[in-house]
Amino acid sequence: MTTEEIRELIQLVSDTGITELEVQRGENRVRISVATTTNVVVPQAVAHMPGAVSAPKADSPPSVKTPDSLVYAKSPIVGTFYGSASPESEPFVKIGEHVTPGKVLCIIESMKLMNEIEADVAGIVESKLVQNGQAVEYGESLFGIRPL
């Protein structure tokens, strides 16, 4: 891997808000980590191409408990929201559905990578706050989940 390629990866991390990135090409492996003070989980990137990049999960949850007792699943990156794997597929979750930690809620596409966003609490999906195909910002609330 060249220095220029590593610089491009650093720029990718900076532009997307990803806190950790690991890339392996043959015997070469590069890991880039960014210190952060927010409670964000960067889900494993899902890509259907050779040399796919994945971002391992952090230990802290992406949701914040609010006074109305809902936990909000938030977008850990800037990208495009998709509620299902394809336009013909059923949505990952529906309002009123029971979810458990690790259940895929949606996909955020960012820089041609499909990032699965997972629930971090068990509960009932009370609200879906964005529409399919909508651009989302870092930290934007995607779903409201009432913990069980």
Protein backbone atom coordinates (compact mmCIF):
# COMPACT_ATOMS: atom_id res chain seq x y z
CA MET A 1 0.00 0.00 0.00
CA THR A 2 1.37 3.40 -0.93
CA THR A 3 1.52 6.48 1.26
CA GLU A 4 -0.97 8.18 -1.07
CA GLU A 5 -3.45 5.29 -0.63
CA ILE A 6 -3.10 5.56 3.14
CA ARG A 7 -3.72 9.33 2.95
CA GLU A 8 -6.88 8.64 0.92
CA LEU A 9 -8.08 6.20 3.60
CA ILE A 10 -7.44 8.80 6.30
CA GLN A 11 -9.46 11.31 4.25
CA LEU A 12 -12.26 8.73 3.90
CA VAL A 13 -12.36 8.30 7.69
CA SER A 14 -12.39 12.07 8.17
CA ASP A 15 -15.13 12.69 5.58
CA THR A 16 -17.52 9.95 6.76
CA GLY A 17 -17.20 10.23 10.53
CA ILE A 18 -16.10 6.60 10.83
CA THR A 19 -14.11 6.11 14.05
CA GLU A 20 -12.14 3.06 12.98
CA LEU A 21 -11.24 1.55 9.63
CA GLU A 22 -9.20 -1.52 8.72
CA VAL A 23 -8.15 -2.45 5.18
CA GLN A 24 -6.22 -5.53 4.12
CA ARG A 25 -4.65 -6.14 0.72
CA GLY A 26 -2.74 -9.38 0.59
CA GLU A 27 -0.20 -9.29 3.40
CA ASN A 28 -0.54 -5.52 3.94
CA ARG A 29 -3.00 -4.32 6.57
CA VAL A 30 -3.74 -0.77 7.72
CA ARG A 31 -5.92 0.22 10.69
CA ILE A 32 -6.93 3.84 11.24
CA SER A 33 -8.59 4.83 14.54
CA VAL A 34 -9.98 8.19 15.54
CA ALA A 35 -10.49 9.21 19.16
CA THR A 36 -14.08 10.27 19.78
CA THR A 37 -16.12 11.50 22.71
CA THR A 38 -19.54 10.57 21.30
CA ASN A 39 -21.38 7.33 21.94
CA VAL A 40 -21.41 5.94 18.40
CA VAL A 41 -21.31 2.43 17.02
CA VAL A 42 -19.97 2.11 13.51
CA PRO A 43 -21.54 -1.03 12.10
CA GLN A 44 -19.64 -3.40 9.92
CA ALA A 45 -19.70 -2.14 6.38
CA VAL A 46 -21.35 -4.41 3.86
CA ALA A 47 -19.83 -4.16 0.40
CA HIS A 48 -20.11 -6.42 -2.58
CA MET A 49 -16.72 -5.75 -4.12
CA PRO A 50 -13.19 -7.09 -3.81
CA GLY A 51 -11.15 -5.49 -1.06
CA ALA A 52 -14.27 -4.49 0.87
CA VAL A 53 -13.60 -2.20 3.78
CA SER A 54 -15.13 -2.93 7.15
CA ALA A 55 -15.36 -0.85 10.26
CA PRO A 56 -15.48 -2.86 13.49
CA LYS A 57 -18.00 -2.02 16.19
CA ALA A 58 -17.16 0.23 19.08
CA ASP A 59 -18.15 -0.80 22.61
CA SER A 60 -20.59 2.04 23.33
CA PRO A 61 -24.19 2.23 22.01
CA PRO A 62 -25.33 4.83 19.44
CA SER A 63 -28.62 5.59 21.14
CA VAL A 64 -29.43 8.17 23.73
CA LYS A 65 -32.22 7.75 26.27
CA THR A 66 -34.58 10.72 26.26
CA PRO A 67 -37.12 11.93 28.82
CA ASP A 68 -40.00 10.34 26.90
CA SER A 69 -38.31 6.95 27.51
CA LEU A 70 -37.65 6.23 23.84
CA VAL A 71 -34.18 5.20 22.74
CA TYR A 72 -33.21 6.66 19.38
CA ALA A 73 -31.11 4.70 16.89
CA LYS A 74 -28.93 7.34 15.25
CA SER A 75 -26.95 7.42 12.05
CA PRO A 76 -23.22 7.02 12.72
CA ILE A 77 -22.37 8.45 9.29
CA VAL A 78 -23.58 10.80 6.58
CA GLY A 79 -25.28 8.93 3.76
CA THR A 80 -28.54 7.75 2.20
CA PHE A 81 -31.13 5.84 4.27
CA TYR A 82 -32.61 2.58 2.96
CA GLY A 83 -35.21 0.67 4.94
CA SER A 84 -34.77 -2.57 2.98
CA ALA A 85 -32.03 -4.49 1.18
CA SER A 86 -33.58 -3.72 -2.23
CA PRO A 87 -36.66 -1.91 -3.56
CA GLU A 88 -38.47 -5.26 -3.92
CA SER A 89 -37.55 -6.51 -0.42
CA GLU A 90 -39.58 -6.24 2.76
CA PRO A 91 -38.35 -3.54 5.18
CA PHE A 92 -35.84 -4.65 7.81
CA VAL A 93 -38.27 -3.51 10.55
CA LYS A 94 -41.80 -2.14 10.78
CA ILE A 95 -43.41 0.14 13.35
CA GLY A 96 -44.71 -2.00 16.22
CA GLU A 97 -42.15 -4.75 15.62
CA HIS A 98 -40.15 -6.20 18.51
CA VAL A 99 -36.38 -5.90 17.99
CA THR A 100 -33.40 -7.29 19.87
CA PRO A 101 -29.84 -5.97 20.07
CA GLY A 102 -28.06 -6.68 16.80
CA LYS A 103 -31.24 -6.68 14.67
CA VAL A 104 -30.62 -4.78 11.42
CA LEU A 105 -32.87 -1.71 11.31
CA CYS A 106 -31.76 -0.18 8.01
CA ILE A 107 -28.83 0.47 5.69
CA ILE A 108 -26.99 3.76 5.27
CA GLU A 109 -25.16 4.00 1.96
CA SER A 110 -22.05 6.12 2.15
CA MET A 111 -19.37 6.34 -0.53
CA LYS A 112 -20.69 3.21 -2.28
CA LEU A 113 -20.53 1.17 0.96
CA MET A 114 -23.70 -0.25 2.47
CA ASN A 115 -23.54 0.09 6.27
CA GLU A 116 -26.00 -1.95 8.32
CA ILE A 117 -27.42 -0.04 11.29
CA GLU A 118 -28.36 -2.36 14.14
CA ALA A 119 -30.55 -2.00 17.22
CA ASP A 120 -28.59 -1.73 20.45
CA VAL A 121 -31.56 -2.34 22.77
CA ALA A 122 -34.43 -4.79 22.95
CA GLY A 123 -37.75 -3.06 22.47
CA ILE A 124 -40.63 -2.09 20.23
CA VAL A 125 -40.08 0.14 17.19
CA GLU A 126 -42.32 3.13 17.93
CA SER A 127 -41.33 5.46 15.12
CA LYS A 128 -39.44 5.66 11.85
CA LEU A 129 -38.10 9.19 11.52
CA VAL A 130 -36.73 9.19 7.94
CA GLN A 131 -38.00 8.14 4.54
CA ASN A 132 -36.47 5.63 2.13
CA GLY A 133 -33.85 7.27 -0.08
CA GLN A 134 -33.54 10.30 2.22
CA ALA A 135 -30.12 11.81 2.92
CA VAL A 136 -29.20 11.59 6.60
CA GLU A 137 -26.62 13.42 8.67
CA TYR A 138 -24.20 12.15 11.27
CA GLY A 139 -26.09 11.73 14.57
CA GLU A 140 -29.54 12.06 13.00
CA SER A 141 -32.24 9.98 14.70
CA LEU A 142 -33.53 7.18 12.47
CA PHE A 143 -35.87 5.13 14.70
CA GLY A 144 -37.47 5.55 18.12
CA ILE A 145 -37.45 2.32 20.13
CA ARG A 146 -39.36 1.82 23.41
CA PRO A 147 -37.09 -0.40 25.54
CA LEU A 148 -38.57 -3.51 27.15
